[in-house]
Amino acid sequence: TAFLISFFPIVVNVATGLATIEPETEDVLRALGAKK
């Protein structure tokens, strides 16, 4: 129960941090040859 009630904020914050990478940053890195 402690696990089920506490893991959702961690998932949301980590996923949000990854999903909000600036598109300009990704474009520049891809132009430099970086992979996903």
PDB file of all heavy atoms in Angstrom:
ATOM      1  N   THR A   1       0.831  -1.209   0.000  1.00  0.00           N
ATOM      2  CA  THR A   1       0.000   0.000   0.000  1.00  0.00           C
ATOM      3  C   THR A   1       0.860   1.251   0.000  1.00  0.00           C
ATOM      4  O   THR A   1       0.558   2.226  -0.708  1.00  0.00           O
ATOM      5  CB  THR A   1      -0.931   0.006   1.217  1.00  0.00           C
ATOM      6  OG1 THR A   1      -1.660  -1.214   1.281  1.00  0.00           O
ATOM      7  CG2 THR A   1      -1.917   1.164   1.138  1.00  0.00           C
ATOM      8  N   ALA A   2       1.940   1.239   0.772  1.00  0.00           N
ATOM      9  CA  ALA A   2       2.873   2.366   0.757  1.00  0.00           C
ATOM     10  C   ALA A   2       3.480   2.548  -0.628  1.00  0.00           C
ATOM     11  O   ALA A   2       3.652   3.675  -1.109  1.00  0.00           O
ATOM     12  CB  ALA A   2       3.977   2.148   1.795  1.00  0.00           C
ATOM     13  N   PHE A   3       3.799   1.440  -1.276  1.00  0.00           N
ATOM     14  CA  PHE A   3       4.340   1.512  -2.635  1.00  0.00           C
ATOM     15  C   PHE A   3       3.313   2.072  -3.617  1.00  0.00           C
ATOM     16  O   PHE A   3       3.619   2.972  -4.415  1.00  0.00           O
ATOM     17  CB  PHE A   3       4.799   0.117  -3.073  1.00  0.00           C
ATOM     18  CG  PHE A   3       4.850  -0.069  -4.556  1.00  0.00           C
ATOM     19  CD1 PHE A   3       5.815   0.562  -5.326  1.00  0.00           C
ATOM     20  CD2 PHE A   3       3.922  -0.886  -5.192  1.00  0.00           C
ATOM     21  CE1 PHE A   3       5.846   0.393  -6.698  1.00  0.00           C
ATOM     22  CE2 PHE A   3       3.949  -1.060  -6.559  1.00  0.00           C
ATOM     23  CZ  PHE A   3       4.917  -0.417  -7.319  1.00  0.00           C
ATOM     24  N   LEU A   4       2.098   1.546  -3.579  1.00  0.00           N
ATOM     25  CA  LEU A   4       1.084   1.938  -4.557  1.00  0.00           C
ATOM     26  C   LEU A   4       0.700   3.404  -4.441  1.00  0.00           C
ATOM     27  O   LEU A   4       0.400   4.049  -5.452  1.00  0.00           O
ATOM     28  CB  LEU A   4      -0.162   1.057  -4.381  1.00  0.00           C
ATOM     29  CG  LEU A   4       0.001  -0.424  -4.746  1.00  0.00           C
ATOM     30  CD1 LEU A   4      -1.262  -1.192  -4.377  1.00  0.00           C
ATOM     31  CD2 LEU A   4       0.316  -0.578  -6.225  1.00  0.00           C
ATOM     32  N   ILE A   5       0.717   3.926  -3.227  1.00  0.00           N
ATOM     33  CA  ILE A   5       0.272   5.309  -3.045  1.00  0.00           C
ATOM     34  C   ILE A   5       1.389   6.313  -3.272  1.00  0.00           C
ATOM     35  O   ILE A   5       1.134   7.505  -3.475  1.00  0.00           O
ATOM     36  CB  ILE A   5      -0.327   5.486  -1.633  1.00  0.00           C
ATOM     37  CG1 ILE A   5      -1.254   6.707  -1.579  1.00  0.00           C
ATOM     38  CG2 ILE A   5       0.751   5.620  -0.583  1.00  0.00           C
ATOM     39  CD1 ILE A   5      -2.015   6.838  -0.275  1.00  0.00           C
ATOM     40  N   SER A   6       2.651   5.851  -3.263  1.00  0.00           N
ATOM     41  CA  SER A   6       3.764   6.800  -3.352  1.00  0.00           C
ATOM     42  C   SER A   6       4.505   6.789  -4.680  1.00  0.00           C
ATOM     43  O   SER A   6       5.281   7.708  -4.950  1.00  0.00           O
ATOM     44  CB  SER A   6       4.775   6.531  -2.231  1.00  0.00           C
ATOM     45  OG  SER A   6       5.333   5.232  -2.348  1.00  0.00           O
ATOM     46  N   PHE A   7       4.276   5.773  -5.521  1.00  0.00           N
ATOM     47  CA  PHE A   7       5.082   5.731  -6.736  1.00  0.00           C
ATOM     48  C   PHE A   7       4.553   6.642  -7.838  1.00  0.00           C
ATOM     49  O   PHE A   7       5.296   7.029  -8.741  1.00  0.00           O
ATOM     50  CB  PHE A   7       5.196   4.288  -7.249  1.00  0.00           C
ATOM     51  CG  PHE A   7       4.122   3.886  -8.221  1.00  0.00           C
ATOM     52  CD1 PHE A   7       4.410   3.745  -9.575  1.00  0.00           C
ATOM     53  CD2 PHE A   7       2.842   3.624  -7.795  1.00  0.00           C
ATOM     54  CE1 PHE A   7       3.438   3.363 -10.474  1.00  0.00           C
ATOM     55  CE2 PHE A   7       1.863   3.236  -8.688  1.00  0.00           C
ATOM     56  CZ  PHE A   7       2.158   3.109 -10.035  1.00  0.00           C
ATOM     57  N   PHE A   8       3.254   7.009  -7.784  1.00  0.00           N
ATOM     58  CA  PHE A   8       2.686   7.835  -8.850  1.00  0.00           C
ATOM     59  C   PHE A   8       3.346   9.212  -8.954  1.00  0.00           C
ATOM     60  O   PHE A   8       3.663   9.650 -10.069  1.00  0.00           O
ATOM     61  CB  PHE A   8       1.179   7.990  -8.643  1.00  0.00           C
ATOM     62  CG  PHE A   8       0.489   8.739  -9.746  1.00  0.00           C
ATOM     63  CD1 PHE A   8       0.259   8.152 -10.970  1.00  0.00           C
ATOM     64  CD2 PHE A   8       0.082  10.053  -9.554  1.00  0.00           C
ATOM     65  CE1 PHE A   8      -0.369   8.849 -11.993  1.00  0.00           C
ATOM     66  CE2 PHE A   8      -0.543  10.755 -10.563  1.00  0.00           C
ATOM     67  CZ  PHE A   8      -0.775  10.151 -11.791  1.00  0.00           C
ATOM     68  N   PRO A   9       3.577   9.948  -7.845  1.00  0.00           N
ATOM     69  CA  PRO A   9       4.275  11.243  -8.004  1.00  0.00           C
ATOM     70  C   PRO A   9       5.658  11.110  -8.614  1.00  0.00           C
ATOM     71  O   PRO A   9       6.100  11.994  -9.366  1.00  0.00           O
ATOM     72  CB  PRO A   9       4.358  11.776  -6.563  1.00  0.00           C
ATOM     73  CG  PRO A   9       3.276  11.072  -5.829  1.00  0.00           C
ATOM     74  CD  PRO A   9       3.186   9.716  -6.445  1.00  0.00           C
ATOM     75  N   ILE A  10       6.353  10.015  -8.323  1.00  0.00           N
ATOM     76  CA  ILE A  10       7.680   9.816  -8.894  1.00  0.00           C
ATOM     77  C   ILE A  10       7.571   9.597 -10.393  1.00  0.00           C
ATOM     78  O   ILE A  10       8.328  10.176 -11.186  1.00  0.00           O
ATOM     79  CB  ILE A  10       8.378   8.633  -8.202  1.00  0.00           C
ATOM     80  CG1 ILE A  10       8.510   8.900  -6.705  1.00  0.00           C
ATOM     81  CG2 ILE A  10       9.749   8.375  -8.817  1.00  0.00           C
ATOM     82  CD1 ILE A  10       9.078   7.734  -5.922  1.00  0.00           C
ATOM     83  N   VAL A  11       6.625   8.756 -10.810  1.00  0.00           N
ATOM     84  CA  VAL A  11       6.435   8.483 -12.234  1.00  0.00           C
ATOM     85  C   VAL A  11       6.095   9.767 -12.984  1.00  0.00           C
ATOM     86  O   VAL A  11       6.664  10.066 -14.045  1.00  0.00           O
ATOM     87  CB  VAL A  11       5.328   7.431 -12.436  1.00  0.00           C
ATOM     88  CG1 VAL A  11       4.985   7.280 -13.910  1.00  0.00           C
ATOM     89  CG2 VAL A  11       5.755   6.097 -11.858  1.00  0.00           C
ATOM     90  N   VAL A  12       5.170  10.535 -12.441  1.00  0.00           N
ATOM     91  CA  VAL A  12       4.715  11.751 -13.113  1.00  0.00           C
ATOM     92  C   VAL A  12       5.856  12.750 -13.262  1.00  0.00           C
ATOM     93  O   VAL A  12       6.053  13.330 -14.340  1.00  0.00           O
ATOM     94  CB  VAL A  12       3.544  12.383 -12.337  1.00  0.00           C
ATOM     95  CG1 VAL A  12       3.228  13.768 -12.883  1.00  0.00           C
ATOM     96  CG2 VAL A  12       2.326  11.490 -12.419  1.00  0.00           C
ATOM     97  N   ASN A  13       6.631  12.946 -12.216  1.00  0.00           N
ATOM     98  CA  ASN A  13       7.691  13.944 -12.284  1.00  0.00           C
ATOM     99  C   ASN A  13       8.818  13.517 -13.221  1.00  0.00           C
ATOM    100  O   ASN A  13       9.341  14.347 -13.977  1.00  0.00           O
ATOM    101  CB  ASN A  13       8.239  14.197 -10.877  1.00  0.00           C
ATOM    102  CG  ASN A  13       7.374  15.136 -10.077  1.00  0.00           C
ATOM    103  OD1 ASN A  13       7.517  16.352 -10.132  1.00  0.00           O
ATOM    104  ND2 ASN A  13       6.453  14.576  -9.311  1.00  0.00           N
ATOM    105  N   VAL A  14       9.201  12.254 -13.191  1.00  0.00           N
ATOM    106  CA  VAL A  14      10.254  11.792 -14.099  1.00  0.00           C
ATOM    107  C   VAL A  14       9.779  11.871 -15.546  1.00  0.00           C
ATOM    108  O   VAL A  14      10.506  12.353 -16.429  1.00  0.00           O
ATOM    109  CB  VAL A  14      10.683  10.361 -13.740  1.00  0.00           C
ATOM    110  CG1 VAL A  14      11.649   9.807 -14.779  1.00  0.00           C
ATOM    111  CG2 VAL A  14      11.333  10.327 -12.366  1.00  0.00           C
ATOM    112  N   ALA A  15       8.561  11.400 -15.812  1.00  0.00           N
ATOM    113  CA  ALA A  15       8.029  11.448 -17.170  1.00  0.00           C
ATOM    114  C   ALA A  15       7.873  12.886 -17.659  1.00  0.00           C
ATOM    115  O   ALA A  15       8.148  13.192 -18.832  1.00  0.00           O
ATOM    116  CB  ALA A  15       6.686  10.723 -17.229  1.00  0.00           C
ATOM    117  N   THR A  16       7.459  13.778 -16.772  1.00  0.00           N
ATOM    118  CA  THR A  16       7.321  15.186 -17.147  1.00  0.00           C
ATOM    119  C   THR A  16       8.668  15.801 -17.482  1.00  0.00           C
ATOM    120  O   THR A  16       8.805  16.551 -18.463  1.00  0.00           O
ATOM    121  CB  THR A  16       6.642  15.974 -16.021  1.00  0.00           C
ATOM    122  OG1 THR A  16       5.362  15.423 -15.754  1.00  0.00           O
ATOM    123  CG2 THR A  16       6.494  17.440 -16.397  1.00  0.00           C
ATOM    124  N   GLY A  17       9.691  15.481 -16.677  1.00  0.00           N
ATOM    125  CA  GLY A  17      11.020  16.001 -16.966  1.00  0.00           C
ATOM    126  C   GLY A  17      11.548  15.551 -18.310  1.00  0.00           C
ATOM    127  O   GLY A  17      12.211  16.326 -19.022  1.00  0.00           O
ATOM    128  N   LEU A  18      11.237  14.313 -18.696  1.00  0.00           N
ATOM    129  CA  LEU A  18      11.693  13.810 -19.991  1.00  0.00           C
ATOM    130  C   LEU A  18      10.852  14.358 -21.137  1.00  0.00           C
ATOM    131  O   LEU A  18      11.381  14.629 -22.221  1.00  0.00           O
ATOM    132  CB  LEU A  18      11.637  12.275 -20.006  1.00  0.00           C
ATOM    133  CG  LEU A  18      12.605  11.547 -19.076  1.00  0.00           C
ATOM    134  CD1 LEU A  18      12.340  10.050 -19.119  1.00  0.00           C
ATOM    135  CD2 LEU A  18      14.048  11.835 -19.464  1.00  0.00           C
ATOM    136  N   ALA A  19       9.551  14.499 -20.895  1.00  0.00           N
ATOM    137  CA  ALA A  19       8.654  14.918 -21.968  1.00  0.00           C
ATOM    138  C   ALA A  19       8.733  16.397 -22.276  1.00  0.00           C
ATOM    139  O   ALA A  19       8.209  16.841 -23.311  1.00  0.00           O
ATOM    140  CB  ALA A  19       7.212  14.550 -21.616  1.00  0.00           C
ATOM    141  N   THR A  20       9.366  17.181 -21.434  1.00  0.00           N
ATOM    142  CA  THR A  20       9.411  18.632 -21.636  1.00  0.00           C
ATOM    143  C   THR A  20      10.775  19.113 -22.124  1.00  0.00           C
ATOM    144  O   THR A  20      11.129  20.271 -21.926  1.00  0.00           O
ATOM    145  CB  THR A  20       9.047  19.364 -20.330  1.00  0.00           C
ATOM    146  OG1 THR A  20       9.907  18.905 -19.274  1.00  0.00           O
ATOM    147  CG2 THR A  20       7.606  19.101 -19.953  1.00  0.00           C
ATOM    148  N   ILE A  21      11.532  18.212 -22.736  1.00  0.00           N
ATOM    149  CA  ILE A  21      12.783  18.660 -23.365  1.00  0.00           C
ATOM    150  C   ILE A  21      12.441  19.599 -24.507  1.00  0.00           C
ATOM    151  O   ILE A  21      11.561  19.313 -25.327  1.00  0.00           O
ATOM    152  CB  ILE A  21      13.599  17.463 -23.886  1.00  0.00           C
ATOM    153  CG1 ILE A  21      13.941  16.503 -22.747  1.00  0.00           C
ATOM    154  CG2 ILE A  21      14.866  17.922 -24.575  1.00  0.00           C
ATOM    155  CD1 ILE A  21      14.649  15.247 -23.203  1.00  0.00           C
ATOM    156  N   GLU A  22      13.127  20.727 -24.603  1.00  0.00           N
ATOM    157  CA  GLU A  22      12.830  21.708 -25.637  1.00  0.00           C
ATOM    158  C   GLU A  22      13.051  21.101 -27.019  1.00  0.00           C
ATOM    159  O   GLU A  22      14.078  20.462 -27.275  1.00  0.00           O
ATOM    160  CB  GLU A  22      13.707  22.950 -25.490  1.00  0.00           C
ATOM    161  CG  GLU A  22      13.439  23.764 -24.239  1.00  0.00           C
ATOM    162  CD  GLU A  22      14.144  23.205 -23.012  1.00  0.00           C
ATOM    163  OE1 GLU A  22      14.779  22.130 -23.131  1.00  0.00           O
ATOM    164  OE2 GLU A  22      14.040  23.826 -21.937  1.00  0.00           O
ATOM    165  N   PRO A  23      12.087  21.276 -27.927  1.00  0.00           N
ATOM    166  CA  PRO A  23      12.268  20.740 -29.293  1.00  0.00           C
ATOM    167  C   PRO A  23      13.520  21.293 -29.967  1.00  0.00           C
ATOM    168  O   PRO A  23      14.161  20.592 -30.755  1.00  0.00           O
ATOM    169  CB  PRO A  23      10.992  21.189 -30.010  1.00  0.00           C
ATOM    170  CG  PRO A  23       9.984  21.411 -28.923  1.00  0.00           C
ATOM    171  CD  PRO A  23      10.776  21.896 -27.750  1.00  0.00           C
ATOM    172  N   GLU A  24      13.870  22.560 -29.666  1.00  0.00           N
ATOM    173  CA  GLU A  24      15.065  23.139 -30.272  1.00  0.00           C
ATOM    174  C   GLU A  24      16.322  22.385 -29.854  1.00  0.00           C
ATOM    175  O   GLU A  24      17.232  22.167 -30.654  1.00  0.00           O
ATOM    176  CB  GLU A  24      15.195  24.613 -29.893  1.00  0.00           C
ATOM    177  CG  GLU A  24      14.066  25.506 -30.377  1.00  0.00           C
ATOM    178  CD  GLU A  24      12.838  25.440 -29.484  1.00  0.00           C
ATOM    179  OE1 GLU A  24      12.886  24.712 -28.450  1.00  0.00           O
ATOM    180  OE2 GLU A  24      11.821  26.076 -29.825  1.00  0.00           O
ATOM    181  N   THR A  25      16.339  21.951 -28.582  1.00  0.00           N
ATOM    182  CA  THR A  25      17.488  21.192 -28.095  1.00  0.00           C
ATOM    183  C   THR A  25      17.597  19.857 -28.820  1.00  0.00           C
ATOM    184  O   THR A  25      18.683  19.434 -29.240  1.00  0.00           O
ATOM    185  CB  THR A  25      17.368  20.957 -26.582  1.00  0.00           C
ATOM    186  OG1 THR A  25      17.264  22.221 -25.906  1.00  0.00           O
ATOM    187  CG2 THR A  25      18.575  20.204 -26.052  1.00  0.00           C
ATOM    188  N   GLU A  26      16.468  19.169 -28.971  1.00  0.00           N
ATOM    189  CA  GLU A  26      16.491  17.902 -29.691  1.00  0.00           C
ATOM    190  C   GLU A  26      16.917  18.099 -31.136  1.00  0.00           C
ATOM    191  O   GLU A  26      17.685  17.274 -31.681  1.00  0.00           O
ATOM    192  CB  GLU A  26      15.107  17.248 -29.628  1.00  0.00           C
ATOM    193  CG  GLU A  26      14.682  16.808 -28.234  1.00  0.00           C
ATOM    194  CD  GLU A  26      13.434  15.939 -28.277  1.00  0.00           C
ATOM    195  OE1 GLU A  26      13.350  15.054 -29.163  1.00  0.00           O
ATOM    196  OE2 GLU A  26      12.547  16.145 -27.440  1.00  0.00           O
ATOM    197  N   ASP A  27      16.438  19.155 -31.784  1.00  0.00           N
ATOM    198  CA  ASP A  27      16.801  19.395 -33.178  1.00  0.00           C
ATOM    199  C   ASP A  27      18.296  19.639 -33.326  1.00  0.00           C
ATOM    200  O   ASP A  27      18.936  19.119 -34.255  1.00  0.00           O
ATOM    201  CB  ASP A  27      16.014  20.592 -33.723  1.00  0.00           C
ATOM    202  CG  ASP A  27      14.520  20.316 -33.798  1.00  0.00           C
ATOM    203  OD1 ASP A  27      14.148  19.119 -33.820  1.00  0.00           O
ATOM    204  OD2 ASP A  27      13.736  21.292 -33.819  1.00  0.00           O
ATOM    205  N   VAL A  28      18.854  20.422 -32.410  1.00  0.00           N
ATOM    206  CA  VAL A  28      20.291  20.700 -32.481  1.00  0.00           C
ATOM    207  C   VAL A  28      21.101  19.430 -32.276  1.00  0.00           C
ATOM    208  O   VAL A  28      22.075  19.151 -33.000  1.00  0.00           O
ATOM    209  CB  VAL A  28      20.675  21.777 -31.446  1.00  0.00           C
ATOM    210  CG1 VAL A  28      22.194  21.917 -31.350  1.00  0.00           C
ATOM    211  CG2 VAL A  28      20.052  23.113 -31.805  1.00  0.00           C
ATOM    212  N   LEU A  29      20.708  18.614 -31.292  1.00  0.00           N
ATOM    213  CA  LEU A  29      21.443  17.383 -31.014  1.00  0.00           C
ATOM    214  C   LEU A  29      21.325  16.394 -32.168  1.00  0.00           C
ATOM    215  O   LEU A  29      22.304  15.704 -32.516  1.00  0.00           O
ATOM    216  CB  LEU A  29      20.927  16.752 -29.720  1.00  0.00           C
ATOM    217  CG  LEU A  29      21.219  17.544 -28.431  1.00  0.00           C
ATOM    218  CD1 LEU A  29      20.536  16.889 -27.242  1.00  0.00           C
ATOM    219  CD2 LEU A  29      22.719  17.631 -28.192  1.00  0.00           C
ATOM    220  N   ARG A  30      20.148  16.313 -32.778  1.00  0.00           N
ATOM    221  CA  ARG A  30      20.001  15.414 -33.925  1.00  0.00           C
ATOM    222  C   ARG A  30      20.820  15.900 -35.107  1.00  0.00           C
ATOM    223  O   ARG A  30      21.388  15.094 -35.859  1.00  0.00           O
ATOM    224  CB  ARG A  30      18.523  15.299 -34.316  1.00  0.00           C
ATOM    225  CG  ARG A  30      17.686  14.468 -33.353  1.00  0.00           C
ATOM    226  CD  ARG A  30      16.390  14.016 -33.986  1.00  0.00           C
ATOM    227  NE  ARG A  30      15.613  13.172 -33.078  1.00  0.00           N
ATOM    228  CZ  ARG A  30      14.626  13.594 -32.325  1.00  0.00           C
ATOM    229  NH1 ARG A  30      14.273  14.868 -32.345  1.00  0.00           N
ATOM    230  NH2 ARG A  30      13.980  12.752 -31.537  1.00  0.00           N
ATOM    231  N   ALA A  31      20.890  17.213 -35.274  1.00  0.00           N
ATOM    232  CA  ALA A  31      21.710  17.761 -36.364  1.00  0.00           C
ATOM    233  C   ALA A  31      23.184  17.468 -36.151  1.00  0.00           C
ATOM    234  O   ALA A  31      23.951  17.344 -37.108  1.00  0.00           O
ATOM    235  CB  ALA A  31      21.483  19.268 -36.464  1.00  0.00           C
ATOM    236  N   LEU A  32      23.587  17.315 -34.889  1.00  0.00           N
ATOM    237  CA  LEU A  32      24.982  16.985 -34.577  1.00  0.00           C
ATOM    238  C   LEU A  32      25.238  15.479 -34.596  1.00  0.00           C
ATOM    239  O   LEU A  32      26.346  15.040 -34.292  1.00  0.00           O
ATOM    240  CB  LEU A  32      25.350  17.548 -33.200  1.00  0.00           C
ATOM    241  CG  LEU A  32      25.345  19.083 -33.084  1.00  0.00           C
ATOM    242  CD1 LEU A  32      25.597  19.501 -31.649  1.00  0.00           C
ATOM    243  CD2 LEU A  32      26.397  19.694 -34.012  1.00  0.00           C
ATOM    244  N   GLY A  33      24.215  14.713 -34.946  1.00  0.00           N
ATOM    245  CA  GLY A  33      24.395  13.271 -35.071  1.00  0.00           C
ATOM    246  C   GLY A  33      24.010  12.465 -33.853  1.00  0.00           C
ATOM    247  O   GLY A  33      24.287  11.261 -33.802  1.00  0.00           O
ATOM    248  N   ALA A  34      23.384  13.076 -32.862  1.00  0.00           N
ATOM    249  CA  ALA A  34      23.005  12.345 -31.657  1.00  0.00           C
ATOM    250  C   ALA A  34      21.790  11.468 -31.921  1.00  0.00           C
ATOM    251  O   ALA A  34      20.864  11.861 -32.640  1.00  0.00           O
ATOM    252  CB  ALA A  34      22.707  13.321 -30.526  1.00  0.00           C
ATOM    253  N   LYS A  35      21.781  10.275 -31.326  1.00  0.00           N
ATOM    254  CA  LYS A  35      20.655   9.377 -31.443  1.00  0.00           C
ATOM    255  C   LYS A  35      19.688   9.595 -30.279  1.00  0.00           C
ATOM    256  O   LYS A  35      19.965  10.355 -29.355  1.00  0.00           O
ATOM    257  CB  LYS A  35      21.140   7.928 -31.470  1.00  0.00           C
ATOM    258  CG  LYS A  35      22.049   7.607 -32.651  1.00  0.00           C
ATOM    259  CD  LYS A  35      22.504   6.163 -32.612  1.00  0.00           C
ATOM    260  CE  LYS A  35      23.425   5.839 -33.783  1.00  0.00           C
ATOM    261  NZ  LYS A  35      23.895   4.427 -33.765  1.00  0.00           N
ATOM    262  N   LYS A  36      18.555   8.896 -30.348  1.00  0.00           N
ATOM    263  CA  LYS A  36      17.554   9.038 -29.304  1.00  0.00           C
ATOM    264  C   LYS A  36      18.118   8.666 -27.938  1.00  0.00           C
ATOM    265  O   LYS A  36      17.886   9.365 -26.943  1.00  0.00           O
ATOM    266  CB  LYS A  36      16.346   8.135 -29.632  1.00  0.00           C
ATOM    267  CG  LYS A  36      15.253   8.137 -28.581  1.00  0.00           C
ATOM    268  CD  LYS A  36      14.516   9.460 -28.528  1.00  0.00           C
ATOM    269  CE  LYS A  36      13.317   9.393 -27.612  1.00  0.00           C
ATOM    270  NZ  LYS A  36      12.586  10.671 -27.523  1.00  0.00           N
TER     271      LYS A  36
END
